[in-house]
PDB file of all heavy atoms in Angstrom:
ATOM      1  N   THR A   1     142.532  28.903 114.811  1.00  0.00           N
ATOM      2  CA  THR A   1     142.054  27.703 114.121  1.00  0.00           C
ATOM      3  C   THR A   1     141.755  26.593 115.122  1.00  0.00           C
ATOM      4  O   THR A   1     140.695  25.954 115.072  1.00  0.00           O
ATOM      5  CB  THR A   1     143.108  27.222 113.093  1.00  0.00           C
ATOM      6  OG1 THR A   1     143.304  28.256 112.122  1.00  0.00           O
ATOM      7  CG2 THR A   1     142.671  25.950 112.391  1.00  0.00           C
ATOM      8  N   LYS A   2     142.668  26.375 116.057  1.00  0.00           N
ATOM      9  CA  LYS A   2     142.504  25.321 117.072  1.00  0.00           C
ATOM     10  C   LYS A   2     141.265  25.575 117.930  1.00  0.00           C
ATOM     11  O   LYS A   2     140.433  24.688 118.146  1.00  0.00           O
ATOM     12  CB  LYS A   2     143.751  25.267 117.957  1.00  0.00           C
ATOM     13  CG  LYS A   2     143.802  24.103 118.936  1.00  0.00           C
ATOM     14  CD  LYS A   2     145.159  24.067 119.636  1.00  0.00           C
ATOM     15  CE  LYS A   2     145.354  22.778 120.424  1.00  0.00           C
ATOM     16  NZ  LYS A   2     144.465  22.648 121.579  1.00  0.00           N
ATOM     17  N   ALA A   3     141.120  26.833 118.400  1.00  0.00           N
ATOM     18  CA  ALA A   3     139.997  27.177 119.281  1.00  0.00           C
ATOM     19  C   ALA A   3     138.655  27.045 118.562  1.00  0.00           C
ATOM     20  O   ALA A   3     137.693  26.495 119.115  1.00  0.00           O
ATOM     21  CB  ALA A   3     140.176  28.592 119.814  1.00  0.00           C
ATOM     22  N   ILE A   4     138.591  27.528 117.330  1.00  0.00           N
ATOM     23  CA  ILE A   4     137.320  27.474 116.576  1.00  0.00           C
ATOM     24  C   ILE A   4     136.906  26.026 116.352  1.00  0.00           C
ATOM     25  O   ILE A   4     135.741  25.663 116.539  1.00  0.00           O
ATOM     26  CB  ILE A   4     137.447  28.236 115.233  1.00  0.00           C
ATOM     27  CG1 ILE A   4     137.635  29.734 115.481  1.00  0.00           C
ATOM     28  CG2 ILE A   4     136.201  28.011 114.367  1.00  0.00           C
ATOM     29  CD1 ILE A   4     138.083  30.538 114.269  1.00  0.00           C
ATOM     30  N   LEU A   5     137.856  25.178 115.979  1.00  0.00           N
ATOM     31  CA  LEU A   5     137.548  23.762 115.747  1.00  0.00           C
ATOM     32  C   LEU A   5     137.117  23.063 117.037  1.00  0.00           C
ATOM     33  O   LEU A   5     136.346  22.097 117.002  1.00  0.00           O
ATOM     34  CB  LEU A   5     138.756  23.046 115.143  1.00  0.00           C
ATOM     35  CG  LEU A   5     139.024  23.323 113.664  1.00  0.00           C
ATOM     36  CD1 LEU A   5     140.362  22.736 113.234  1.00  0.00           C
ATOM     37  CD2 LEU A   5     137.901  22.767 112.782  1.00  0.00           C
ATOM     38  N   GLU A   6     137.605  23.562 118.186  1.00  0.00           N
ATOM     39  CA  GLU A   6     137.258  22.952 119.477  1.00  0.00           C
ATOM     40  C   GLU A   6     136.084  23.657 120.159  1.00  0.00           C
ATOM     41  O   GLU A   6     135.797  23.416 121.340  1.00  0.00           O
ATOM     42  CB  GLU A   6     138.488  22.980 120.395  1.00  0.00           C
ATOM     43  CG  GLU A   6     139.616  22.079 119.900  1.00  0.00           C
ATOM     44  CD  GLU A   6     140.900  22.236 120.717  1.00  0.00           C
ATOM     45  OE1 GLU A   6     140.919  23.064 121.656  1.00  0.00           O
ATOM     46  OE2 GLU A   6     141.892  21.538 120.393  1.00  0.00           O
ATOM     47  N   ASP A   7     135.409  24.548 119.421  1.00  0.00           N
ATOM     48  CA  ASP A   7     134.251  25.299 119.940  1.00  0.00           C
ATOM     49  C   ASP A   7     134.574  26.150 121.157  1.00  0.00           C
ATOM     50  O   ASP A   7     133.730  26.351 122.036  1.00  0.00           O
ATOM     51  CB  ASP A   7     133.084  24.353 120.279  1.00  0.00           C
ATOM     52  CG  ASP A   7     132.404  23.837 119.032  1.00  0.00           C
ATOM     53  OD1 ASP A   7     132.196  24.643 118.109  1.00  0.00           O
ATOM     54  OD2 ASP A   7     132.105  22.624 118.966  1.00  0.00           O
ATOM     55  N   ARG A   8     135.815  26.635 121.212  1.00  0.00           N
ATOM     56  CA  ARG A   8     136.212  27.539 122.294  1.00  0.00           C
ATOM     57  C   ARG A   8     136.288  28.968 121.755  1.00  0.00           C
ATOM     58  O   ARG A   8     136.590  29.181 120.573  1.00  0.00           O
ATOM     59  CB  ARG A   8     137.582  27.141 122.854  1.00  0.00           C
ATOM     60  CG  ARG A   8     137.590  25.822 123.601  1.00  0.00           C
ATOM     61  CD  ARG A   8     138.941  25.531 124.234  1.00  0.00           C
ATOM     62  NE  ARG A   8     139.983  25.255 123.256  1.00  0.00           N
ATOM     63  CZ  ARG A   8     140.951  26.104 122.927  1.00  0.00           C
ATOM     64  NH1 ARG A   8     141.016  27.325 123.476  1.00  0.00           N
ATOM     65  NH2 ARG A   8     141.876  25.765 122.032  1.00  0.00           N
ATOM     66  N   PRO A   9     136.041  29.976 122.625  1.00  0.00           N
ATOM     67  CA  PRO A   9     136.149  31.367 122.150  1.00  0.00           C
ATOM     68  C   PRO A   9     137.600  31.746 121.871  1.00  0.00           C
ATOM     69  O   PRO A   9     138.525  31.213 122.496  1.00  0.00           O
ATOM     70  CB  PRO A   9     135.579  32.191 123.310  1.00  0.00           C
ATOM     71  CG  PRO A   9     135.684  31.317 124.511  1.00  0.00           C
ATOM     72  CD  PRO A   9     135.588  29.897 124.030  1.00  0.00           C
ATOM     73  N   ILE A  10     137.807  32.658 120.925  1.00  0.00           N
ATOM     74  CA  ILE A  10     139.150  33.159 120.620  1.00  0.00           C
ATOM     75  C   ILE A  10     139.351  34.501 121.316  1.00  0.00           C
ATOM     76  O   ILE A  10     138.410  35.279 121.459  1.00  0.00           O
ATOM     77  CB  ILE A  10     139.387  33.288 119.099  1.00  0.00           C
ATOM     78  CG1 ILE A  10     138.402  34.279 118.466  1.00  0.00           C
ATOM     79  CG2 ILE A  10     139.292  31.927 118.421  1.00  0.00           C
ATOM     80  CD1 ILE A  10     138.687  34.585 117.012  1.00  0.00           C
ATOM     81  N   ASP A  11     140.558  34.773 121.783  1.00  0.00           N
ATOM     82  CA  ASP A  11     140.887  36.051 122.413  1.00  0.00           C
ATOM     83  C   ASP A  11     141.239  37.073 121.335  1.00  0.00           C
ATOM     84  O   ASP A  11     142.221  36.900 120.609  1.00  0.00           O
ATOM     85  CB  ASP A  11     142.069  35.894 123.384  1.00  0.00           C
ATOM     86  CG  ASP A  11     141.687  35.093 124.622  1.00  0.00           C
ATOM     87  OD1 ASP A  11     140.482  35.026 124.942  1.00  0.00           O
ATOM     88  OD2 ASP A  11     142.596  34.542 125.269  1.00  0.00           O
ATOM     89  N   VAL A  12     140.418  38.108 121.251  1.00  0.00           N
ATOM     90  CA  VAL A  12     140.616  39.151 120.240  1.00  0.00           C
ATOM     91  C   VAL A  12     141.075  40.420 120.955  1.00  0.00           C
ATOM     92  O   VAL A  12     140.286  41.103 121.603  1.00  0.00           O
ATOM     93  CB  VAL A  12     139.319  39.407 119.439  1.00  0.00           C
ATOM     94  CG1 VAL A  12     139.546  40.474 118.364  1.00  0.00           C
ATOM     95  CG2 VAL A  12     138.809  38.111 118.820  1.00  0.00           C
ATOM     96  N   PHE A  13     142.363  40.721 120.845  1.00  0.00           N
ATOM     97  CA  PHE A  13     142.936  41.831 121.608  1.00  0.00           C
ATOM     98  C   PHE A  13     142.681  43.194 120.949  1.00  0.00           C
ATOM     99  O   PHE A  13     142.442  43.282 119.746  1.00  0.00           O
ATOM    100  CB  PHE A  13     144.435  41.602 121.832  1.00  0.00           C
ATOM    101  CG  PHE A  13     144.714  40.409 122.714  1.00  0.00           C
ATOM    102  CD1 PHE A  13     145.161  39.205 122.176  1.00  0.00           C
ATOM    103  CD2 PHE A  13     144.481  40.473 124.084  1.00  0.00           C
ATOM    104  CE1 PHE A  13     145.385  38.096 122.983  1.00  0.00           C
ATOM    105  CE2 PHE A  13     144.708  39.379 124.901  1.00  0.00           C
ATOM    106  CZ  PHE A  13     145.158  38.189 124.351  1.00  0.00           C
ATOM    107  N   ASN A  14     142.737  44.226 121.788  1.00  0.00           N
ATOM    108  CA  ASN A  14     142.441  45.604 121.374  1.00  0.00           C
ATOM    109  C   ASN A  14     141.049  45.690 120.749  1.00  0.00           C
ATOM    110  O   ASN A  14     140.795  46.516 119.872  1.00  0.00           O
ATOM    111  CB  ASN A  14     143.497  46.148 120.403  1.00  0.00           C
ATOM    112  CG  ASN A  14     143.578  47.662 120.430  1.00  0.00           C
ATOM    113  OD1 ASN A  14     143.300  48.293 121.442  1.00  0.00           O
ATOM    114  ND2 ASN A  14     143.951  48.257 119.311  1.00  0.00           N
ATOM    115  N   TYR A  15     140.162  44.801 121.223  1.00  0.00           N
ATOM    116  CA  TYR A  15     138.767  44.759 120.779  1.00  0.00           C
ATOM    117  C   TYR A  15     138.660  44.637 119.250  1.00  0.00           C
ATOM    118  O   TYR A  15     137.724  45.147 118.624  1.00  0.00           O
ATOM    119  CB  TYR A  15     138.009  46.003 121.286  1.00  0.00           C
ATOM    120  CG  TYR A  15     138.182  46.189 122.775  1.00  0.00           C
ATOM    121  CD1 TYR A  15     139.042  47.157 123.287  1.00  0.00           C
ATOM    122  CD2 TYR A  15     137.529  45.353 123.685  1.00  0.00           C
ATOM    123  CE1 TYR A  15     139.239  47.302 124.659  1.00  0.00           C
ATOM    124  CE2 TYR A  15     137.706  45.490 125.059  1.00  0.00           C
ATOM    125  CZ  TYR A  15     138.570  46.465 125.543  1.00  0.00           C
ATOM    126  OH  TYR A  15     138.763  46.596 126.895  1.00  0.00           O
ATOM    127  N   GLY A  16     139.668  43.969 118.667  1.00  0.00           N
ATOM    128  CA  GLY A  16     139.667  43.740 117.219  1.00  0.00           C
ATOM    129  C   GLY A  16     140.250  44.872 116.407  1.00  0.00           C
ATOM    130  O   GLY A  16     140.410  44.761 115.182  1.00  0.00           O
ATOM    131  N   LYS A  17     140.596  45.982 117.055  1.00  0.00           N
ATOM    132  CA  LYS A  17     141.123  47.140 116.314  1.00  0.00           C
ATOM    133  C   LYS A  17     142.641  47.012 116.131  1.00  0.00           C
ATOM    134  O   LYS A  17     143.418  47.817 116.637  1.00  0.00           O
ATOM    135  CB  LYS A  17     140.771  48.440 117.045  1.00  0.00           C
ATOM    136  CG  LYS A  17     139.268  48.729 117.082  1.00  0.00           C
ATOM    137  CD  LYS A  17     138.962  49.993 117.854  1.00  0.00           C
ATOM    138  CE  LYS A  17     137.493  50.356 117.775  1.00  0.00           C
ATOM    139  NZ  LYS A  17     136.605  49.350 118.372  1.00  0.00           N
ATOM    140  N   MET A  18     143.020  45.963 115.441  1.00  0.00           N
ATOM    141  CA  MET A  18     144.424  45.684 115.161  1.00  0.00           C
ATOM    142  C   MET A  18     144.590  45.479 113.660  1.00  0.00           C
ATOM    143  O   MET A  18     143.674  44.985 112.990  1.00  0.00           O
ATOM    144  CB  MET A  18     144.882  44.395 115.864  1.00  0.00           C
ATOM    145  CG  MET A  18     144.655  44.354 117.353  1.00  0.00           C
ATOM    146  SD  MET A  18     146.037  45.025 118.282  1.00  0.00           S
ATOM    147  CE  MET A  18     147.013  43.568 118.547  1.00  0.00           C
ATOM    148  N   LYS A  19     145.755  45.845 113.160  1.00  0.00           N
ATOM    149  CA  LYS A  19     146.101  45.575 111.758  1.00  0.00           C
ATOM    150  C   LYS A  19     147.465  44.906 111.732  1.00  0.00           C
ATOM    151  O   LYS A  19     148.365  45.327 112.453  1.00  0.00           O
ATOM    152  CB  LYS A  19     146.165  46.870 110.944  1.00  0.00           C
ATOM    153  CG  LYS A  19     144.829  47.463 110.571  1.00  0.00           C
ATOM    154  CD  LYS A  19     145.051  48.665 109.661  1.00  0.00           C
ATOM    155  CE  LYS A  19     143.736  49.292 109.258  1.00  0.00           C
ATOM    156  NZ  LYS A  19     143.955  50.452 108.354  1.00  0.00           N
ATOM    157  N   ARG A  20     147.584  43.880 110.892  1.00  0.00           N
ATOM    158  CA  ARG A  20     148.865  43.210 110.757  1.00  0.00           C
ATOM    159  C   ARG A  20     149.184  43.012 109.273  1.00  0.00           C
ATOM    160  O   ARG A  20     148.304  42.701 108.475  1.00  0.00           O
ATOM    161  CB  ARG A  20     148.851  41.835 111.460  1.00  0.00           C
ATOM    162  CG  ARG A  20     148.911  41.897 112.982  1.00  0.00           C
ATOM    163  CD  ARG A  20     150.248  42.376 113.478  1.00  0.00           C
ATOM    164  NE  ARG A  20     150.320  42.458 114.920  1.00  0.00           N
ATOM    165  CZ  ARG A  20     150.003  43.527 115.646  1.00  0.00           C
ATOM    166  NH1 ARG A  20     149.552  44.617 115.045  1.00  0.00           N
ATOM    167  NH2 ARG A  20     150.127  43.522 116.956  1.00  0.00           N
ATOM    168  N   ASP A  21     150.456  43.180 108.956  1.00  0.00           N
ATOM    169  CA  ASP A  21     150.918  42.964 107.588  1.00  0.00           C
ATOM    170  C   ASP A  21     151.269  41.486 107.438  1.00  0.00           C
ATOM    171  O   ASP A  21     152.438  41.108 107.430  1.00  0.00           O
ATOM    172  CB  ASP A  21     152.126  43.861 107.299  1.00  0.00           C
ATOM    173  CG  ASP A  21     152.343  44.061 105.806  1.00  0.00           C
ATOM    174  OD1 ASP A  21     151.815  43.252 105.031  1.00  0.00           O
ATOM    175  OD2 ASP A  21     153.032  45.021 105.435  1.00  0.00           O
ATOM    176  N   PHE A  22     150.230  40.644 107.376  1.00  0.00           N
ATOM    177  CA  PHE A  22     150.420  39.196 107.281  1.00  0.00           C
ATOM    178  C   PHE A  22     151.160  38.834 105.997  1.00  0.00           C
ATOM    179  O   PHE A  22     150.775  39.250 104.913  1.00  0.00           O
ATOM    180  CB  PHE A  22     149.068  38.484 107.311  1.00  0.00           C
ATOM    181  CG  PHE A  22     148.338  38.607 108.619  1.00  0.00           C
ATOM    182  CD1 PHE A  22     147.296  39.517 108.769  1.00  0.00           C
ATOM    183  CD2 PHE A  22     148.695  37.824 109.711  1.00  0.00           C
ATOM    184  CE1 PHE A  22     146.613  39.631 109.974  1.00  0.00           C
ATOM    185  CE2 PHE A  22     148.024  37.930 110.920  1.00  0.00           C
ATOM    186  CZ  PHE A  22     146.984  38.837 111.053  1.00  0.00           C
ATOM    187  N   THR A  23     152.228  38.030 106.142  1.00  0.00           N
ATOM    188  CA  THR A  23     153.070  37.680 104.996  1.00  0.00           C
ATOM    189  C   THR A  23     153.184  36.166 104.886  1.00  0.00           C
ATOM    190  O   THR A  23     153.608  35.493 105.825  1.00  0.00           O
ATOM    191  CB  THR A  23     154.471  38.309 105.133  1.00  0.00           C
ATOM    192  OG1 THR A  23     154.334  39.679 105.526  1.00  0.00           O
ATOM    193  CG2 THR A  23     155.225  38.237 103.818  1.00  0.00           C
ATOM    194  N   TYR A  24     152.783  35.647 103.728  1.00  0.00           N
ATOM    195  CA  TYR A  24     152.750  34.196 103.510  1.00  0.00           C
ATOM    196  C   TYR A  24     154.163  33.625 103.470  1.00  0.00           C
ATOM    197  O   TYR A  24     155.084  34.242 102.918  1.00  0.00           O
ATOM    198  CB  TYR A  24     151.999  33.882 102.218  1.00  0.00           C
ATOM    199  CG  TYR A  24     151.690  32.425 102.028  1.00  0.00           C
ATOM    200  CD1 TYR A  24     150.954  31.708 102.976  1.00  0.00           C
ATOM    201  CD2 TYR A  24     152.125  31.741 100.886  1.00  0.00           C
ATOM    202  CE1 TYR A  24     150.659  30.364 102.794  1.00  0.00           C
ATOM    203  CE2 TYR A  24     151.830  30.399 100.699  1.00  0.00           C
ATOM    204  CZ  TYR A  24     151.102  29.718 101.662  1.00  0.00           C
ATOM    205  OH  TYR A  24     150.811  28.383 101.493  1.00  0.00           O
ATOM    206  N   ILE A  25     154.336  32.438 104.014  1.00  0.00           N
ATOM    207  CA  ILE A  25     155.653  31.830 104.184  1.00  0.00           C
ATOM    208  C   ILE A  25     156.428  31.702 102.870  1.00  0.00           C
ATOM    209  O   ILE A  25     157.635  31.946 102.825  1.00  0.00           O
ATOM    210  CB  ILE A  25     155.541  30.448 104.897  1.00  0.00           C
ATOM    211  CG1 ILE A  25     156.927  29.850 105.166  1.00  0.00           C
ATOM    212  CG2 ILE A  25     154.642  29.497 104.136  1.00  0.00           C
ATOM    213  CD1 ILE A  25     157.830  30.661 106.058  1.00  0.00           C
TER     214      ILE A  25
END
């Protein structure tokens, strides 16, 4: 979020081939 708002590139590891079980707080 910070990088996109500041027009900087984001580091996407494993060339984007990652999966995460994101869990809302």
